Amino acid sequence: MDDKQAQGMIFGFFNEVGIVSQLSGALFGRLVPQSVHLSHFIVLNHLTRIGDGRTPVQIANALQVTKATMTHTLAVLSGHGFITMEPHPTDRRSKIVRLTPAGRTFRDEAIDSMSPAFQYLADNIGIDELKAVLPVLEKVRRLLDAERDAPVVG
């Protein structure tokens, strides 16, 4: 495979990932209860996966959104009772974001509400095929995370 073919194949990979992201986001919006957007769920999921006790700027950087966007998202999540914002113990200008039990419960219930979609994929693709592609997607995520944190491209 020459460089041009490889570039086309890699572009095709990211194009498919982008389309899957759009379609899965729309599906999430149809299946998840309450008026919580995917962007709000992503913050809850991030705090569950990474651990809470992060500053808004740390979360914004990890999710690659602006501080203003994150401020709005955190205000919505706080309004739902899904997070608390506490004063930072050493930096009086900042806050610490923590998940509440209601936030953890909502995140888990949101995942449960996606079970019809998960079953549809399992029935039509198969768990083994999904399991086979997961390590590749995780490796791509790790590479892109590392590149974001210490740019080596461009």
Protein backbone atom coordinates (compact mmCIF):
# COMPACT_ATOMS: atom_id res chain seq x y z
CA MET A 1 0.00 0.00 0.00
CA ASP A 2 1.50 3.34 -1.01
CA ASP A 3 1.32 6.52 1.09
CA LYS A 4 -1.68 7.92 -0.82
CA GLN A 5 -3.66 4.70 -0.35
CA ALA A 6 -2.73 4.59 3.34
CA GLN A 7 -3.86 8.19 3.80
CA GLY A 8 -7.15 7.41 2.06
CA MET A 9 -7.71 4.36 4.26
CA ILE A 10 -6.91 6.31 7.44
CA PHE A 11 -9.21 9.13 6.35
CA GLY A 12 -11.91 6.51 5.68
CA PHE A 13 -11.40 5.15 9.21
CA PHE A 14 -11.85 8.60 10.80
CA ASN A 15 -14.74 9.41 8.50
CA GLU A 16 -16.56 6.27 9.69
CA VAL A 17 -15.74 7.05 13.34
CA GLY A 18 -17.17 10.56 12.86
CA ILE A 19 -20.36 9.26 11.28
CA VAL A 20 -20.75 6.65 14.03
CA SER A 21 -20.27 9.43 16.58
CA GLN A 22 -23.02 11.55 14.99
CA LEU A 23 -25.44 8.64 14.70
CA SER A 24 -24.78 7.35 18.21
CA GLY A 25 -25.19 10.86 19.64
CA ALA A 26 -28.61 11.16 17.98
CA LEU A 27 -29.56 7.72 19.27
CA PHE A 28 -28.44 8.72 22.77
CA GLY A 29 -30.71 11.77 22.57
CA ARG A 30 -33.70 9.60 21.70
CA LEU A 31 -33.12 6.94 24.35
CA VAL A 32 -31.79 8.76 27.41
CA PRO A 33 -34.34 10.14 29.89
CA GLN A 34 -34.59 13.77 31.01
CA SER A 35 -33.31 16.74 29.09
CA VAL A 36 -29.65 15.87 29.38
CA HIS A 37 -27.55 16.32 26.27
CA LEU A 38 -24.79 13.98 25.21
CA SER A 39 -22.23 16.66 26.12
CA HIS A 40 -23.55 16.62 29.69
CA PHE A 41 -23.41 12.82 29.87
CA ILE A 42 -19.84 12.90 28.55
CA VAL A 43 -18.78 15.01 31.55
CA LEU A 44 -20.50 12.61 33.98
CA ASN A 45 -18.88 9.66 32.24
CA HIS A 46 -15.47 11.36 32.25
CA LEU A 47 -15.69 12.04 35.99
CA THR A 48 -16.78 8.45 36.60
CA ARG A 49 -13.97 7.01 34.46
CA ILE A 50 -11.14 9.34 35.51
CA GLY A 51 -12.35 10.20 39.00
CA ASP A 52 -13.94 13.37 40.23
CA GLY A 53 -12.20 16.15 42.12
CA ARG A 54 -11.09 17.91 38.93
CA THR A 55 -11.21 21.60 38.15
CA PRO A 56 -13.46 22.93 35.38
CA VAL A 57 -10.36 23.84 33.35
CA GLN A 58 -8.97 20.30 33.68
CA ILE A 59 -12.27 18.85 32.48
CA ALA A 60 -12.52 21.36 29.62
CA ASN A 61 -8.98 20.53 28.52
CA ALA A 62 -9.59 16.79 28.69
CA LEU A 63 -12.77 17.09 26.62
CA GLN A 64 -11.27 19.77 24.35
CA VAL A 65 -13.99 22.36 24.84
CA THR A 66 -13.75 26.01 25.84
CA LYS A 67 -13.87 27.11 29.44
CA ALA A 68 -17.14 28.96 28.67
CA THR A 69 -18.71 25.79 27.25
CA MET A 70 -17.61 23.81 30.30
CA THR A 71 -18.93 26.50 32.67
CA HIS A 72 -22.35 26.23 31.02
CA THR A 73 -22.30 22.41 31.05
CA LEU A 74 -21.32 22.32 34.72
CA ALA A 75 -24.10 24.80 35.57
CA VAL A 76 -26.64 22.51 33.88
CA LEU A 77 -25.28 19.44 35.68
CA SER A 78 -25.31 21.31 38.98
CA GLY A 79 -28.91 22.37 38.34
CA HIS A 80 -29.85 18.71 37.90
CA GLY A 81 -28.06 17.90 41.18
CA PHE A 82 -25.56 15.66 39.34
CA ILE A 83 -22.42 17.51 40.51
CA THR A 84 -21.27 19.85 43.23
CA MET A 85 -18.76 22.65 42.86
CA GLU A 86 -16.59 23.23 45.90
CA PRO A 87 -13.94 25.87 46.51
CA HIS A 88 -10.47 24.68 45.49
CA PRO A 89 -8.43 24.10 48.66
CA THR A 90 -5.30 25.90 47.38
CA ASP A 91 -6.46 28.08 44.47
CA ARG A 92 -9.20 30.47 45.53
CA ARG A 93 -9.94 31.36 41.89
CA SER A 94 -10.94 27.80 41.01
CA LYS A 95 -13.47 25.16 41.97
CA ILE A 96 -13.41 21.40 42.37
CA VAL A 97 -16.10 19.38 40.61
CA ARG A 98 -17.48 16.30 42.33
CA LEU A 99 -20.14 13.85 41.23
CA THR A 100 -23.13 13.43 43.49
CA PRO A 101 -24.82 10.08 44.09
CA ALA A 102 -27.62 11.36 41.81
CA GLY A 103 -25.04 12.05 39.08
CA ARG A 104 -23.59 8.56 39.33
CA THR A 105 -27.08 7.05 39.31
CA PHE A 106 -28.11 9.10 36.28
CA ARG A 107 -24.97 8.04 34.38
CA ASP A 108 -25.70 4.38 35.12
CA GLU A 109 -29.38 4.75 34.19
CA ALA A 110 -28.44 6.51 30.95
CA ILE A 111 -26.24 3.56 30.02
CA ASP A 112 -29.07 1.18 30.92
CA SER A 113 -31.46 3.16 28.72
CA MET A 114 -29.13 2.46 25.79
CA SER A 115 -29.61 -1.30 26.17
CA PRO A 116 -31.99 -1.58 23.17
CA ALA A 117 -29.27 -0.05 20.97
CA PHE A 118 -26.62 -2.26 22.50
CA GLN A 119 -28.76 -5.34 21.89
CA TYR A 120 -29.40 -4.24 18.28
CA LEU A 121 -25.64 -4.05 17.68
CA ALA A 122 -25.02 -7.35 19.43
CA ASP A 123 -27.71 -9.04 17.32
CA ASN A 124 -26.50 -7.59 14.03
CA ILE A 125 -22.73 -7.39 14.44
CA GLY A 126 -21.96 -9.79 17.25
CA ILE A 127 -20.12 -9.35 20.50
CA ASP A 128 -16.99 -11.06 19.18
CA GLU A 129 -16.65 -8.63 16.28
CA LEU A 130 -17.23 -5.62 18.54
CA LYS A 131 -14.75 -7.04 21.04
CA ALA A 132 -12.17 -7.47 18.28
CA VAL A 133 -12.32 -3.82 17.19
CA LEU A 134 -12.26 -2.34 20.70
CA PRO A 135 -8.46 -2.68 21.26
CA VAL A 136 -7.79 -0.82 18.01
CA LEU A 137 -10.14 2.02 18.98
CA GLU A 138 -8.57 2.20 22.45
CA LYS A 139 -5.09 2.38 20.90
CA VAL A 140 -6.18 5.18 18.55
CA ARG A 141 -7.69 7.05 21.53
CA ARG A 142 -4.48 6.68 23.56
CA LEU A 143 -2.37 7.95 20.63
CA LEU A 144 -4.64 10.94 20.06
CA ASP A 145 -4.73 11.69 23.81
CA ALA A 146 -0.93 11.67 23.91
CA GLU A 147 -0.73 13.85 20.79
CA ARG A 148 -3.18 16.34 22.32
CA ASP A 149 -1.12 16.58 25.50
CA ALA A 150 2.29 16.79 23.76
CA PRO A 151 1.71 17.69 20.10
CA VAL A 152 3.98 15.98 17.62
CA VAL A 153 1.81 16.50 14.53
CA GLY A 154 1.79 19.79 12.59
